[in-house]
């Protein structure tokens, strides 16, 4: 799938992060990594 707009990409990306947190325990690596990756994405997006 190709994204033509950043907001469409972001919506799907946030769904991935949310699903990772929904399906795993808070102390799991996947859960913690989803938080870190979301923060990194937001920081980089805001630099654009």
N, C-alpha and C. Protein backbone atom coordinates (compact mmCIF):
# COMPACT_ATOMS: atom_id res chain seq x y z
N UNK A 1 0.85 -1.18 0.00
CA UNK A 1 0.00 0.00 0.00
C UNK A 1 0.88 1.23 0.00
N UNK A 2 0.54 2.17 -0.84
CA UNK A 2 1.24 3.46 -0.88
C UNK A 2 0.36 4.51 -0.23
N UNK A 3 1.00 5.34 0.54
CA UNK A 3 0.28 6.43 1.21
C UNK A 3 0.52 7.72 0.45
N UNK A 4 -0.55 8.44 0.20
CA UNK A 4 -0.45 9.73 -0.48
C UNK A 4 -0.45 10.88 0.52
N UNK A 5 -0.90 10.58 1.73
CA UNK A 5 -0.98 11.62 2.76
C UNK A 5 -0.39 11.10 4.06
N UNK A 6 0.28 11.98 4.76
CA UNK A 6 0.89 11.62 6.03
C UNK A 6 -0.14 11.18 7.05
N UNK A 7 -1.29 11.82 7.07
CA UNK A 7 -2.30 11.47 8.08
C UNK A 7 -2.82 10.05 7.91
N UNK A 8 -2.92 9.56 6.68
CA UNK A 8 -3.35 8.18 6.46
C UNK A 8 -2.30 7.20 6.97
N UNK A 9 -1.04 7.49 6.69
CA UNK A 9 0.05 6.66 7.20
C UNK A 9 0.06 6.67 8.72
N UNK A 10 -0.07 7.85 9.28
CA UNK A 10 -0.04 8.00 10.74
C UNK A 10 -1.18 7.24 11.40
N UNK A 11 -2.35 7.29 10.84
CA UNK A 11 -3.49 6.57 11.39
C UNK A 11 -3.19 5.08 11.47
N UNK A 12 -2.67 4.51 10.39
CA UNK A 12 -2.34 3.09 10.39
C UNK A 12 -1.21 2.78 11.36
N UNK A 13 -0.21 3.63 11.41
CA UNK A 13 0.92 3.41 12.30
C UNK A 13 0.47 3.43 13.76
N UNK A 14 -0.37 4.38 14.13
CA UNK A 14 -0.88 4.45 15.50
C UNK A 14 -1.73 3.23 15.83
N UNK A 15 -2.45 2.69 14.85
CA UNK A 15 -3.22 1.47 15.07
C UNK A 15 -2.30 0.30 15.40
N UNK A 16 -1.16 0.23 14.73
CA UNK A 16 -0.18 -0.82 15.01
C UNK A 16 0.33 -0.69 16.44
N UNK A 17 0.68 0.53 16.84
CA UNK A 17 1.17 0.76 18.20
C UNK A 17 0.09 0.41 19.23
N UNK A 18 -1.13 0.83 18.99
CA UNK A 18 -2.22 0.55 19.92
C UNK A 18 -2.49 -0.95 20.03
N UNK A 19 -2.46 -1.63 18.90
CA UNK A 19 -2.70 -3.08 18.90
C UNK A 19 -1.60 -3.81 19.66
N UNK A 20 -0.37 -3.37 19.48
CA UNK A 20 0.75 -3.99 20.20
C UNK A 20 0.54 -3.86 21.70
N UNK A 21 0.04 -2.73 22.14
CA UNK A 21 -0.19 -2.53 23.57
C UNK A 21 -1.43 -3.29 24.05
N UNK A 22 -2.42 -3.40 23.19
CA UNK A 22 -3.64 -4.09 23.57
C UNK A 22 -3.41 -5.60 23.73
N UNK A 23 -2.54 -6.15 22.90
CA UNK A 23 -2.36 -7.60 22.87
C UNK A 23 -1.21 -8.12 23.73
N UNK A 24 -0.47 -7.22 24.37
CA UNK A 24 0.66 -7.65 25.19
C UNK A 24 0.57 -7.04 26.58
N UNK A 25 1.35 -7.59 27.47
CA UNK A 25 1.36 -7.09 28.85
C UNK A 25 2.25 -5.86 28.97
N UNK A 26 1.92 -4.95 29.87
CA UNK A 26 2.68 -3.70 30.01
C UNK A 26 4.18 -3.87 30.24
N UNK A 27 4.59 -4.95 30.85
CA UNK A 27 6.02 -5.13 31.11
C UNK A 27 6.75 -5.85 29.96
N UNK A 28 6.02 -6.24 28.91
CA UNK A 28 6.65 -6.97 27.81
C UNK A 28 7.48 -6.03 26.93
N UNK A 29 8.44 -6.61 26.25
CA UNK A 29 9.30 -5.84 25.36
C UNK A 29 8.49 -5.21 24.22
N UNK A 30 7.56 -5.95 23.66
CA UNK A 30 6.74 -5.44 22.56
C UNK A 30 5.95 -4.21 23.01
N UNK A 31 5.36 -4.30 24.17
CA UNK A 31 4.59 -3.18 24.72
C UNK A 31 5.48 -1.96 24.90
N UNK A 32 6.60 -2.16 25.56
CA UNK A 32 7.53 -1.05 25.82
C UNK A 32 8.09 -0.48 24.52
N UNK A 33 8.42 -1.35 23.57
CA UNK A 33 8.95 -0.88 22.29
C UNK A 33 7.91 -0.07 21.52
N UNK A 34 6.64 -0.45 21.62
CA UNK A 34 5.60 0.31 20.92
C UNK A 34 5.52 1.74 21.45
N UNK A 35 5.72 1.90 22.74
CA UNK A 35 5.72 3.24 23.34
C UNK A 35 6.92 4.04 22.84
N UNK A 36 8.09 3.41 22.86
CA UNK A 36 9.30 4.09 22.40
C UNK A 36 9.20 4.49 20.93
N UNK A 37 8.74 3.56 20.10
CA UNK A 37 8.64 3.85 18.67
C UNK A 37 7.62 4.95 18.38
N UNK A 38 6.53 4.95 19.11
CA UNK A 38 5.53 6.00 18.92
C UNK A 38 6.11 7.37 19.28
N UNK A 39 6.86 7.44 20.37
CA UNK A 39 7.48 8.70 20.77
C UNK A 39 8.51 9.16 19.74
N UNK A 40 9.29 8.22 19.22
CA UNK A 40 10.29 8.56 18.19
C UNK A 40 9.59 9.07 16.94
N UNK A 41 8.53 8.38 16.52
CA UNK A 41 7.79 8.82 15.33
C UNK A 41 7.26 10.24 15.52
N UNK A 42 6.64 10.52 16.66
CA UNK A 42 6.07 11.85 16.91
C UNK A 42 7.16 12.92 16.90
N UNK A 43 8.28 12.62 17.52
CA UNK A 43 9.39 13.59 17.54
C UNK A 43 9.88 13.88 16.13
N UNK A 44 10.08 12.83 15.34
CA UNK A 44 10.57 13.03 13.96
C UNK A 44 9.53 13.72 13.09
N UNK A 45 8.27 13.36 13.27
CA UNK A 45 7.19 14.00 12.51
C UNK A 45 7.14 15.49 12.80
N UNK A 46 7.32 15.84 14.05
CA UNK A 46 7.25 17.25 14.44
C UNK A 46 8.44 18.06 13.93
N UNK A 47 9.52 17.38 13.58
CA UNK A 47 10.69 18.07 13.02
C UNK A 47 10.52 18.41 11.54
N UNK A 48 9.55 17.78 10.90
CA UNK A 48 9.34 18.01 9.46
C UNK A 48 8.77 19.40 9.24
